[in-house]
Amino acid sequence: MYTSILQTLRKMEESFTEQTGCMKCHKYPAFKRGSKTDRYFLTSDERILEYDIDAVVFEEQSPYQKVQIVHSKSLGNLLVLDELQNLSERDLIYTETLMQRGKEDYAGKEIVILGGGDGALLYELLKEKPKFVTMLELDEVVIRACREHLRGCCGDILDQLEGPNYKIVIDDCVKSLDQMIAEGKKVDYVFGDLTDIPVSVTPQGEVWDFIRLILNKAMQVIKPSGKYLTHGNGVSSPKSLAMFEDQLRNLQIPVEFTRDTAFVPSFLEDWVFYQVWPKLVN
């Protein structure tokens, strides 16, 4: 019996070599099945990552998405939204690169965060002595989950929705941006801590429309000397990053931009971050 199986496998190998011209094959570790907790999650750039997860510490379906906090032996607690990994307690480099720590001066500045429900960006920005930070997050469940189980990222900043130099508004950020535009309010920095750049063939669809909407509205509330800072996607998705940069070149308000990268532990990849500012017109 075993001889027959081996012969069949060799024939399959020979057939594969004939058809592809490939002389080498690789063996990959098997998926571990039957675990009490899911070990595998997708990334926004369509990779499957395996984690050393040993517990689900929070799970709730909000009106907008499935919210989970899982525990990893090596990464600490990890925020997962709709089965997509988002941020772990070992990912400080993500927040520091997004905010360009050491390169931007936030002292005395007015800042708006679009999204950012995990609280990590707000927590780190407040260390820089800004004048005021307004965080606009739609999903109260994300805030509650991270307040309880992601304190390695947000500290105690989500314990209160308002402080001397910050306010957390649980509402649609588009509505808040529209109000700012109507009032003529301008700020020094806007952070887009929302959805990642989609992996797609063309820059079309609901998520791309939302990205363009946010970019155009955000640039209307930034001072001429201000900046819009956001995350992109992994370096393994160059076509999607190029499509995003094409959107930046075609905004209603002309802009210039730079990009930075950092290896984010829970992403297992170099991630791309963008710095965007209004183009000076001579």
Protein backbone atom coordinates (compact mmCIF):
# COMPACT_ATOMS: atom_id res chain seq x y z
CA MET A 1 0.00 0.00 0.00
CA TYR A 2 2.69 2.52 1.05
CA THR A 3 4.77 1.64 -2.04
CA SER A 4 1.75 2.39 -4.22
CA ILE A 5 1.22 5.76 -2.54
CA LEU A 6 4.87 6.72 -2.99
CA GLN A 7 4.77 5.76 -6.65
CA THR A 8 1.65 7.89 -7.16
CA LEU A 9 3.29 10.87 -5.44
CA ARG A 10 6.43 10.52 -7.59
CA LYS A 11 4.30 10.45 -10.76
CA MET A 12 2.49 13.59 -9.64
CA GLU A 13 5.84 15.26 -8.96
CA GLU A 14 7.15 14.28 -12.40
CA SER A 15 3.99 15.55 -14.07
CA PHE A 16 4.23 18.86 -12.23
CA THR A 17 7.88 19.24 -13.30
CA GLU A 18 7.01 18.51 -16.94
CA GLN A 19 4.17 21.04 -17.01
CA THR A 20 5.87 23.89 -15.14
CA GLY A 21 9.58 23.33 -15.67
CA CYS A 22 10.02 23.82 -11.93
CA MET A 23 12.67 21.52 -10.44
CA LYS A 24 12.03 22.42 -6.80
CA CYS A 25 9.05 22.27 -4.49
CA HIS A 26 8.55 23.54 -0.97
CA LYS A 27 6.75 22.01 1.97
CA TYR A 28 4.73 24.38 4.15
CA PRO A 29 3.58 23.75 7.72
CA ALA A 30 0.05 22.44 7.99
CA PHE A 31 -2.75 24.64 9.28
CA LYS A 32 -3.45 23.84 12.92
CA ARG A 33 -7.07 22.83 13.17
CA GLY A 34 -9.38 22.23 16.10
CA SER A 35 -7.98 25.04 18.26
CA LYS A 36 -10.28 26.74 20.77
CA THR A 37 -9.15 30.12 19.42
CA ASP A 38 -8.55 31.20 15.83
CA ARG A 39 -4.83 31.55 15.08
CA TYR A 40 -5.17 32.93 11.53
CA PHE A 41 -6.19 36.41 10.43
CA LEU A 42 -6.14 38.25 7.13
CA THR A 43 -4.37 41.54 6.53
CA SER A 44 -5.71 44.36 4.38
CA ASP A 45 -3.04 43.48 1.81
CA GLU A 46 -4.48 39.97 1.54
CA ARG A 47 -1.89 37.95 3.47
CA ILE A 48 -2.80 35.25 5.98
CA LEU A 49 -0.90 35.62 9.25
CA GLU A 50 -0.53 32.96 11.92
CA TYR A 51 -0.29 34.13 15.52
CA ASP A 52 0.41 32.40 18.82
CA ILE A 53 -3.06 33.29 20.10
CA ASP A 54 -4.19 31.51 23.22
CA ALA A 55 -7.35 33.38 24.21
CA VAL A 56 -10.15 35.67 23.04
CA VAL A 57 -10.54 38.28 25.76
CA PHE A 58 -13.28 40.39 24.12
CA GLU A 59 -15.79 39.79 21.34
CA GLU A 60 -18.85 41.81 20.39
CA GLN A 61 -20.71 42.64 17.20
CA SER A 62 -21.17 46.41 17.05
CA PRO A 63 -23.60 48.12 14.64
CA TYR A 64 -20.62 48.56 12.30
CA GLN A 65 -18.26 45.61 12.66
CA LYS A 66 -17.17 42.56 14.62
CA VAL A 67 -14.83 43.70 17.39
CA GLN A 68 -12.37 41.30 19.02
CA ILE A 69 -9.42 41.55 21.35
CA VAL A 70 -7.29 38.39 21.30
CA HIS A 71 -4.22 37.55 23.34
CA SER A 72 -0.94 36.61 21.69
CA LYS A 73 1.90 35.15 23.74
CA SER A 74 4.46 37.27 21.89
CA LEU A 75 2.46 40.41 20.98
CA GLY A 76 0.22 40.89 24.00
CA ASN A 77 -3.38 41.83 23.29
CA LEU A 78 -4.32 42.41 19.65
CA LEU A 79 -7.28 44.36 18.23
CA VAL A 80 -9.09 42.55 15.39
CA LEU A 81 -11.90 44.19 13.40
CA ASP A 82 -14.03 42.09 11.04
CA GLU A 83 -11.33 39.37 11.12
CA LEU A 84 -8.61 41.88 10.10
CA GLN A 85 -5.74 42.43 12.55
CA ASN A 86 -5.34 46.11 13.48
CA LEU A 87 -2.94 46.85 16.33
CA SER A 88 -1.13 44.97 19.08
CA GLU A 89 0.45 46.08 22.33
CA ARG A 90 3.89 45.61 20.70
CA ASP A 91 3.16 47.99 17.82
CA LEU A 92 4.32 51.34 19.24
CA ILE A 93 6.44 51.80 16.11
CA TYR A 94 3.21 51.98 14.08
CA THR A 95 1.93 54.95 16.09
CA GLU A 96 5.31 56.67 16.24
CA THR A 97 5.79 56.42 12.47
CA LEU A 98 2.24 57.56 11.77
CA MET A 99 2.79 60.68 13.89
CA GLN A 100 6.40 61.11 12.68
CA ARG A 101 7.64 61.39 16.25
CA GLY A 102 10.78 63.50 16.45
CA LYS A 103 10.11 65.00 13.01
CA GLU A 104 6.91 66.96 13.73
CA ASP A 105 6.42 69.50 16.52
CA TYR A 106 2.98 69.15 18.12
CA ALA A 107 3.53 71.54 21.03
CA GLY A 108 0.74 74.10 21.16
CA LYS A 109 -0.93 72.72 18.00
CA GLU A 110 -4.59 71.92 17.29
CA ILE A 111 -5.10 68.36 16.05
CA VAL A 112 -7.98 66.26 14.73
CA ILE A 113 -7.87 62.44 14.66
CA LEU A 114 -10.26 60.74 12.25
CA GLY A 115 -10.90 57.29 13.72
CA GLY A 116 -8.21 56.14 16.12
CA GLY A 117 -10.62 54.22 18.36
CA ASP A 118 -7.84 52.12 19.90
CA GLY A 119 -6.65 55.31 21.64
CA ALA A 120 -2.96 54.70 20.90
CA LEU A 121 -2.48 57.80 18.73
CA LEU A 122 -4.33 60.08 21.16
CA TYR A 123 -2.31 58.71 24.09
CA GLU A 124 1.04 59.31 22.36
CA LEU A 125 0.09 62.73 20.94
CA LEU A 126 -0.87 64.07 24.37
CA LYS A 127 2.71 63.41 25.51
CA GLU A 128 3.79 66.06 22.95
CA LYS A 129 1.92 68.92 24.75
CA PRO A 130 -0.55 69.91 22.01
CA LYS A 131 -3.02 72.75 22.52
CA PHE A 132 -6.01 70.50 21.87
CA VAL A 133 -6.78 67.13 20.24
CA THR A 134 -10.23 66.16 18.97
CA MET A 135 -10.70 62.45 18.23
CA LEU A 136 -13.65 61.48 16.02
CA GLU A 137 -14.47 57.77 16.36
CA LEU A 138 -17.68 56.17 15.09
CA ASP A 139 -17.68 52.90 17.04
CA GLU A 140 -18.20 53.07 20.80
CA VAL A 141 -17.62 49.31 21.08
CA VAL A 142 -14.02 49.68 19.81
CA ILE A 143 -13.35 52.36 22.42
CA ARG A 144 -14.85 50.23 25.20
CA ALA A 145 -12.94 47.10 24.15
CA CYS A 146 -9.61 48.93 23.99
CA ARG A 147 -10.26 50.81 27.23
CA GLU A 148 -10.61 47.46 28.97
CA HIS A 149 -8.14 45.24 27.14
CA LEU A 150 -5.62 47.30 25.10
CA ARG A 151 -4.19 49.50 27.83
CA GLY A 152 -0.68 48.68 26.68
CA CYS A 153 -1.48 50.97 23.73
CA CYS A 154 -3.90 53.57 25.10
CA GLY A 155 -2.96 53.73 28.77
CA ASP A 156 -5.79 55.38 30.71
CA ILE A 157 -6.68 57.98 28.07
CA LEU A 158 -9.96 56.27 27.09
CA ASP A 159 -11.20 56.21 30.71
CA GLN A 160 -12.65 59.70 30.21
CA LEU A 161 -14.06 61.05 26.94
CA GLU A 162 -12.87 64.55 27.72
CA GLY A 163 -9.86 66.12 29.41
CA PRO A 164 -8.14 69.51 29.71
CA ASN A 165 -6.65 69.31 26.21
CA TYR A 166 -8.61 66.60 24.40
CA LYS A 167 -12.11 65.45 23.55
CA ILE A 168 -13.35 62.13 22.14
CA VAL A 169 -16.44 62.52 19.98
CA ILE A 170 -18.35 59.31 19.21
CA ASP A 171 -19.88 60.22 15.87
CA ASP A 172 -19.43 60.12 12.11
CA CYS A 173 -16.19 61.95 11.28
CA VAL A 174 -17.61 63.09 7.91
CA LYS A 175 -20.38 64.97 9.69
CA SER A 176 -17.85 66.57 12.03
CA LEU A 177 -15.60 67.58 9.11
CA ASP A 178 -18.59 69.13 7.33
CA GLN A 179 -19.34 71.16 10.45
CA MET A 180 -15.74 72.35 10.67
CA ILE A 181 -15.78 73.35 6.99
CA ALA A 182 -19.07 75.25 7.46
CA GLU A 183 -17.60 77.11 10.46
CA GLY A 184 -14.34 77.85 8.66
CA LYS A 185 -12.33 76.10 11.38
CA LYS A 186 -8.70 75.29 10.57
CA VAL A 187 -6.28 73.03 12.48
CA ASP A 188 -2.57 72.27 12.33
CA TYR A 189 -2.80 68.51 11.85
CA VAL A 190 -5.40 65.99 10.73
CA PHE A 191 -4.72 62.28 11.17
CA GLY A 192 -6.46 59.74 8.96
CA ASP A 193 -6.46 56.69 11.23
CA LEU A 194 -9.26 54.97 9.35
CA THR A 195 -9.31 52.22 6.72
CA ASP A 196 -6.20 50.91 4.97
CA ILE A 197 -5.70 51.48 1.25
CA PRO A 198 -7.64 48.70 -0.53
CA VAL A 199 -5.91 46.03 -2.58
CA SER A 200 -7.80 46.26 -5.87
CA VAL A 201 -7.33 46.31 -9.63
CA THR A 202 -8.64 49.87 -9.99
CA PRO A 203 -9.29 52.72 -7.50
CA GLN A 204 -13.01 52.17 -7.63
CA GLY A 205 -15.61 51.04 -5.14
CA GLU A 206 -17.06 52.14 -1.82
CA VAL A 207 -13.79 52.21 0.13
CA TRP A 208 -11.95 54.21 -2.54
CA ASP A 209 -14.86 56.68 -2.68
CA PHE A 210 -14.63 57.05 1.10
CA ILE A 211 -10.86 57.62 0.96
CA ARG A 212 -11.27 60.38 -1.67
CA LEU A 213 -14.09 61.95 0.34
CA ILE A 214 -11.99 62.05 3.52
CA LEU A 215 -8.91 63.41 1.74
CA ASN A 216 -10.81 66.25 0.08
CA LYS A 217 -12.66 67.23 3.25
CA ALA A 218 -9.58 66.95 5.47
CA MET A 219 -7.53 69.25 3.24
CA GLN A 220 -10.23 71.92 3.64
CA VAL A 221 -9.72 72.11 7.41
CA ILE A 222 -5.91 72.10 7.42
CA LYS A 223 -4.04 75.37 7.79
CA PRO A 224 -1.72 76.33 4.87
CA SER A 225 1.19 75.27 7.12
CA GLY A 226 -0.57 72.12 8.33
CA LYS A 227 -0.35 68.43 7.42
CA TYR A 228 -2.51 65.37 6.90
CA LEU A 229 -0.85 62.20 8.22
CA THR A 230 -2.14 58.74 7.44
CA HIS A 231 -1.23 55.07 7.05
CA GLY A 232 -1.29 53.29 3.71
CA ASN A 233 -0.68 49.60 3.24
CA GLY A 234 2.18 47.11 3.13
CA VAL A 235 5.15 47.47 0.79
CA SER A 236 4.00 44.22 -0.81
CA SER A 237 1.09 46.13 -2.39
CA PRO A 238 2.90 48.63 -4.68
CA LYS A 239 0.03 48.91 -7.17
CA SER A 240 -2.46 49.94 -4.50
CA LEU A 241 0.01 52.43 -3.05
CA ALA A 242 0.57 53.88 -6.54
CA MET A 243 -3.20 54.23 -7.02
CA PHE A 244 -3.45 56.07 -3.69
CA GLU A 245 -0.68 58.44 -4.74
CA ASP A 246 -2.60 59.12 -7.96
CA GLN A 247 -5.58 60.15 -5.81
CA LEU A 248 -3.34 62.55 -3.89
CA ARG A 249 -2.24 64.15 -7.17
CA ASN A 250 -5.85 64.79 -8.15
CA LEU A 251 -7.41 66.28 -5.03
CA GLN A 252 -9.51 69.43 -5.16
CA ILE A 253 -6.75 71.26 -3.27
CA PRO A 254 -3.27 70.58 -4.80
CA VAL A 255 -0.95 68.83 -2.36
CA GLU A 256 2.58 67.54 -1.98
CA PHE A 257 3.46 64.41 -0.05
CA THR A 258 6.22 62.20 1.28
CA ARG A 259 6.16 58.63 2.57
CA ASP A 260 7.88 56.69 5.32
CA THR A 261 8.04 53.00 6.19
CA ALA A 262 8.41 50.96 9.36
CA PHE A 263 8.31 47.27 10.22
CA VAL A 264 5.24 46.70 12.38
CA PRO A 265 5.55 43.55 14.53
CA SER A 266 1.95 42.32 14.31
CA PHE A 267 1.79 43.07 10.56
CA LEU A 268 4.96 41.03 9.90
CA GLU A 269 5.77 43.50 7.14
CA ASP A 270 7.07 46.99 6.40
CA TRP A 271 4.11 49.36 6.39
CA VAL A 272 3.87 52.63 4.44
CA PHE A 273 2.81 55.96 6.00
CA TYR A 274 2.05 59.24 4.21
CA GLN A 275 2.61 62.88 5.09
CA VAL A 276 0.48 65.25 2.96
CA TRP A 277 0.37 69.07 2.96
CA PRO A 278 -1.17 71.86 0.83
CA LYS A 279 0.96 72.85 -2.13
CA LEU A 280 2.21 76.42 -1.99
CA VAL A 281 0.95 78.41 -4.97
CA ASN A 282 3.28 81.16 -6.19
